Amino acid sequence: ISESGKFTSAKVTKLTEGTIEVSYGETTASIPVTVSPANPFSDTKGHWAETYINDLYFEGTLTGSAGKDGKLLYRPDDSMTRQEFIVALMRYLGTDLGNYSSASLPQQYYRHQGYIGTWALDAVKAAYSLGYLGGSKENGKLYANPTATITRQEAMVILARSQNLTDGGSSSLSGFSDASKVADWAKASLAAMVDRRIIGGSNGKLNPTGKVTRAEVAKMLWALENN
């Protein structure tokens, strides 16, 4: 802290908290200070989604995990499971999960391709109750598929539902060479997302059945907030 009162933080590699205490005569004031690294993740520097990931991390939407060296990792190019996606979306929306802890889910939601993690259960309950998560039907039963990798069209449909974007015209998809691969149940939502410029495709393709990466999820959520 300079004589003029300007505070300059040291460079840190992880979130660092402290307190600045100021005294004058018999008066003392304490100010809590949190210093964040410019890039909290050790594996996103120079990545095309670095800005989106960092912005959402500092907003509390996205989290990472500690690597063997103790540094924070985001794993931007890894795919994301359905339950991981739902948890991130609920954080982004600021949903009070406590309001849904006692909500009911279809019985089949609890057992299929792995259990819903306890860390994700209330988020799944909220997404189902709010109509964002519909599940997958198999033999007349509805399943959550919590540990299955979420596809791009599944992620985009859930995002569109959360924003009430379901009125896109199918003509919005005509410019993509793989538009025919978009499932009928996803066309209106994807078209609405294209209209709002939340998604733009890659190399003229939507790749609707491809696995969505953690970086792509960051871009989608960032675009929802900034477009």
Protein backbone atom coordinates (compact mmCIF):
# COMPACT_ATOMS: atom_id res chain seq x y z
CA ILE A 1 0.00 0.00 0.00
CA SER A 2 1.54 3.28 -1.11
CA GLU A 3 1.57 6.51 0.86
CA SER A 4 -1.32 7.71 -1.28
CA GLY A 5 -3.39 4.67 -0.28
CA LYS A 6 -3.13 2.72 -3.51
CA PHE A 7 -3.24 -1.03 -2.94
CA THR A 8 -1.29 -3.21 -5.34
CA SER A 9 -1.61 -6.95 -4.94
CA ALA A 10 1.15 -9.46 -5.44
CA LYS A 11 0.83 -11.97 -8.26
CA VAL A 12 -0.82 -15.12 -6.98
CA THR A 13 -1.39 -18.57 -8.47
CA LYS A 14 -4.51 -19.31 -6.43
CA LEU A 15 -7.35 -17.41 -4.78
CA THR A 16 -5.81 -15.62 -1.80
CA GLU A 17 -7.74 -13.94 1.01
CA GLY A 18 -6.52 -11.53 3.62
CA THR A 19 -7.35 -8.41 5.58
CA ILE A 20 -6.15 -4.82 5.38
CA GLU A 21 -6.28 -3.16 8.79
CA VAL A 22 -6.13 0.62 9.08
CA SER A 23 -5.73 2.51 12.35
CA TYR A 24 -5.80 6.20 13.15
CA GLY A 25 -5.77 7.27 16.75
CA GLU A 26 -8.31 5.13 18.57
CA THR A 27 -10.16 4.20 15.38
CA THR A 28 -9.46 0.92 13.58
CA ALA A 29 -11.07 -0.44 10.45
CA SER A 30 -10.59 -3.84 8.81
CA ILE A 31 -11.20 -4.48 5.14
CA PRO A 32 -11.37 -8.04 3.77
CA VAL A 33 -9.47 -8.47 0.51
CA THR A 34 -9.57 -11.30 -2.00
CA VAL A 35 -6.91 -11.48 -4.68
CA SER A 36 -7.60 -13.70 -7.67
CA PRO A 37 -5.06 -14.84 -10.23
CA ALA A 38 -5.47 -13.40 -13.72
CA ASN A 39 -5.98 -16.94 -14.94
CA PRO A 40 -7.10 -19.30 -12.16
CA PHE A 41 -6.68 -22.44 -14.27
CA SER A 42 -3.29 -23.81 -15.20
CA ASP A 43 -4.63 -25.59 -18.30
CA THR A 44 -6.57 -22.81 -20.06
CA LYS A 45 -3.90 -20.23 -20.85
CA GLY A 46 -4.03 -19.54 -24.59
CA HIS A 47 -7.11 -21.73 -25.05
CA TRP A 48 -9.76 -20.29 -27.39
CA ALA A 49 -12.31 -20.34 -24.53
CA GLU A 50 -10.00 -18.86 -21.88
CA THR A 51 -11.92 -15.60 -21.50
CA TYR A 52 -15.32 -17.30 -21.25
CA ILE A 53 -14.06 -19.83 -18.71
CA ASN A 54 -12.37 -17.21 -16.54
CA ASP A 55 -15.36 -14.86 -16.55
CA LEU A 56 -17.74 -17.63 -15.50
CA TYR A 57 -15.32 -18.92 -12.87
CA PHE A 58 -15.14 -15.53 -11.15
CA GLU A 59 -18.94 -15.28 -11.32
CA GLY A 60 -19.17 -18.59 -9.48
CA THR A 61 -20.75 -20.53 -12.36
CA LEU A 62 -17.87 -22.83 -13.27
CA THR A 63 -15.48 -24.68 -11.01
CA GLY A 64 -12.38 -26.77 -11.54
CA SER A 65 -10.50 -29.50 -9.75
CA ALA A 66 -7.03 -29.68 -8.25
CA GLY A 67 -4.33 -31.48 -10.21
CA LYS A 68 -1.59 -33.61 -8.68
CA ASP A 69 0.58 -30.51 -8.36
CA GLY A 70 -2.18 -28.68 -6.48
CA LYS A 71 -2.90 -26.28 -9.34
CA LEU A 72 -6.47 -25.69 -10.44
CA LEU A 73 -7.55 -27.45 -13.64
CA TYR A 74 -10.63 -26.84 -15.79
CA ARG A 75 -10.07 -29.61 -18.38
CA PRO A 76 -11.54 -27.47 -21.20
CA ASP A 77 -11.46 -30.14 -23.90
CA ASP A 78 -13.01 -32.90 -21.79
CA SER A 79 -16.62 -33.81 -22.43
CA MET A 80 -19.26 -32.95 -19.84
CA THR A 81 -21.81 -35.30 -18.29
CA ARG A 82 -25.47 -34.47 -18.12
CA GLN A 83 -25.39 -33.92 -14.38
CA GLU A 84 -22.28 -31.71 -14.58
CA PHE A 85 -24.04 -29.60 -17.20
CA ILE A 86 -27.18 -29.26 -15.09
CA VAL A 87 -25.18 -28.18 -12.04
CA ALA A 88 -23.35 -25.51 -14.07
CA LEU A 89 -26.63 -24.26 -15.53
CA MET A 90 -28.30 -23.99 -12.13
CA ARG A 91 -25.34 -21.98 -10.84
CA TYR A 92 -25.52 -19.72 -13.89
CA LEU A 93 -29.25 -19.12 -13.36
CA GLY A 94 -28.75 -18.49 -9.64
CA THR A 95 -31.40 -21.06 -8.78
CA ASP A 96 -32.00 -21.58 -5.06
CA LEU A 97 -31.64 -25.36 -4.94
CA GLY A 98 -32.96 -25.48 -1.40
CA ASN A 99 -36.42 -24.81 -2.82
CA TYR A 100 -36.28 -28.11 -4.71
CA SER A 101 -34.56 -30.48 -2.27
CA SER A 102 -37.88 -32.16 -1.47
CA ALA A 103 -39.09 -32.28 -5.09
CA SER A 104 -39.88 -35.68 -6.60
CA LEU A 105 -38.28 -37.27 -9.64
CA PRO A 106 -39.47 -40.21 -11.74
CA GLN A 107 -38.24 -43.35 -10.00
CA GLN A 108 -36.18 -44.38 -13.03
CA TYR A 109 -34.20 -41.14 -12.73
CA TYR A 110 -32.33 -42.61 -9.78
CA ARG A 111 -31.02 -45.71 -11.48
CA HIS A 112 -29.71 -45.63 -15.02
CA GLN A 113 -26.14 -45.42 -16.31
CA GLY A 114 -24.97 -44.60 -12.81
CA TYR A 115 -26.55 -42.84 -9.90
CA ILE A 116 -27.15 -39.13 -9.75
CA GLY A 117 -24.36 -37.79 -7.56
CA THR A 118 -25.39 -36.36 -4.22
CA TRP A 119 -23.64 -33.13 -5.27
CA ALA A 120 -25.92 -32.91 -8.32
CA LEU A 121 -29.22 -34.30 -7.01
CA ASP A 122 -30.87 -31.02 -5.98
CA ALA A 123 -29.78 -29.39 -9.24
CA VAL A 124 -31.35 -32.24 -11.23
CA LYS A 125 -34.53 -31.95 -9.15
CA ALA A 126 -34.66 -28.22 -9.85
CA ALA A 127 -34.05 -28.62 -13.59
CA TYR A 128 -36.74 -31.31 -13.82
CA SER A 129 -39.25 -29.31 -11.75
CA LEU A 130 -38.66 -26.18 -13.84
CA GLY A 131 -39.15 -28.09 -17.08
CA TYR A 132 -35.59 -27.73 -18.36
CA LEU A 133 -34.66 -31.39 -18.10
CA GLY A 134 -37.01 -33.87 -19.69
CA GLY A 135 -34.94 -37.03 -19.67
CA SER A 136 -34.69 -39.84 -22.20
CA LYS A 137 -37.48 -42.31 -22.85
CA GLU A 138 -36.63 -45.99 -23.11
CA ASN A 139 -39.32 -48.68 -23.16
CA GLY A 140 -41.87 -46.15 -21.99
CA LYS A 141 -39.81 -45.07 -18.97
CA LEU A 142 -38.06 -41.76 -18.38
CA TYR A 143 -34.36 -41.77 -17.46
CA ALA A 144 -32.00 -38.99 -16.41
CA ASN A 145 -28.82 -40.61 -17.77
CA PRO A 146 -26.84 -38.51 -15.26
CA THR A 147 -23.38 -39.86 -16.02
CA ALA A 148 -23.83 -40.06 -19.78
CA THR A 149 -21.98 -37.49 -21.88
CA ILE A 150 -24.35 -34.74 -22.94
CA THR A 151 -24.62 -34.07 -26.66
CA ARG A 152 -24.54 -30.64 -28.23
CA GLN A 153 -28.22 -30.69 -29.18
CA GLU A 154 -29.24 -31.94 -25.72
CA ALA A 155 -27.28 -29.13 -24.07
CA MET A 156 -28.69 -26.51 -26.41
CA VAL A 157 -32.28 -27.68 -25.92
CA ILE A 158 -31.91 -27.47 -22.13
CA LEU A 159 -30.37 -23.99 -22.42
CA ALA A 160 -33.13 -22.85 -24.77
CA ARG A 161 -35.81 -24.08 -22.37
CA SER A 162 -34.19 -22.18 -19.51
CA GLN A 163 -34.47 -18.98 -21.56
CA ASN A 164 -37.90 -19.74 -23.08
CA LEU A 165 -36.29 -19.85 -26.52
CA THR A 166 -38.42 -22.38 -28.37
CA ASP A 167 -39.82 -20.41 -31.29
CA GLY A 168 -36.97 -20.53 -33.78
CA GLY A 169 -37.83 -21.17 -37.40
CA SER A 170 -36.31 -24.26 -39.00
CA SER A 171 -35.04 -22.07 -41.84
CA SER A 172 -32.40 -20.76 -39.42
CA LEU A 173 -30.69 -24.15 -39.65
CA SER A 174 -30.63 -24.28 -43.45
CA GLY A 175 -27.19 -22.76 -43.65
CA PHE A 176 -25.58 -25.69 -41.84
CA SER A 177 -24.51 -28.68 -43.90
CA ASP A 178 -25.52 -31.17 -41.19
CA ALA A 179 -28.91 -29.63 -40.35
CA SER A 180 -30.60 -32.91 -41.33
CA LYS A 181 -28.88 -34.59 -38.37
CA VAL A 182 -30.70 -32.39 -35.86
CA ALA A 183 -33.41 -34.41 -34.10
CA ASP A 184 -36.99 -33.26 -34.65
CA TRP A 185 -37.41 -32.56 -30.92
CA ALA A 186 -34.38 -30.24 -31.01
CA LYS A 187 -34.93 -28.25 -34.22
CA ALA A 188 -36.98 -25.36 -32.82
CA SER A 189 -34.64 -24.88 -29.86
CA LEU A 190 -31.47 -24.99 -31.95
CA ALA A 191 -32.96 -22.59 -34.47
CA ALA A 192 -33.85 -20.18 -31.67
CA MET A 193 -30.30 -20.43 -30.32
CA VAL A 194 -28.92 -19.66 -33.79
CA ASP A 195 -31.29 -16.70 -34.18
CA ARG A 196 -30.07 -15.24 -30.90
CA ARG A 197 -26.43 -15.93 -31.86
CA ILE A 198 -25.81 -18.13 -28.86
CA ILE A 199 -24.40 -20.74 -31.23
CA GLY A 200 -22.82 -20.29 -34.62
CA GLY A 201 -21.56 -23.72 -35.48
CA SER A 202 -18.07 -24.65 -36.64
CA ASN A 203 -16.94 -24.93 -40.24
CA GLY A 204 -20.55 -24.67 -41.37
CA LYS A 205 -21.70 -27.50 -39.11
CA LEU A 206 -23.73 -27.75 -35.91
CA ASN A 207 -22.49 -31.23 -34.99
CA PRO A 208 -25.72 -31.82 -33.01
CA THR A 209 -24.96 -35.38 -31.89
CA GLY A 210 -21.33 -34.69 -30.97
CA LYS A 211 -20.16 -34.53 -27.39
CA VAL A 212 -20.12 -31.06 -25.92
CA THR A 213 -16.88 -30.03 -24.27
CA ARG A 214 -16.44 -28.07 -21.06
CA ALA A 215 -15.03 -25.19 -23.11
CA GLU A 216 -18.08 -25.18 -25.39
CA VAL A 217 -20.38 -25.09 -22.36
CA ALA A 218 -18.49 -22.04 -21.09
CA LYS A 219 -18.96 -20.34 -24.47
CA MET A 220 -22.69 -21.12 -24.53
CA LEU A 221 -23.31 -19.79 -21.02
CA TRP A 222 -21.19 -16.70 -21.67
CA ALA A 223 -23.09 -16.03 -24.90
CA LEU A 224 -26.44 -16.31 -23.11
CA GLU A 225 -25.35 -13.57 -20.76
CA ASN A 226 -23.71 -11.29 -23.30
CA ASN A 227 -25.85 -11.58 -26.47
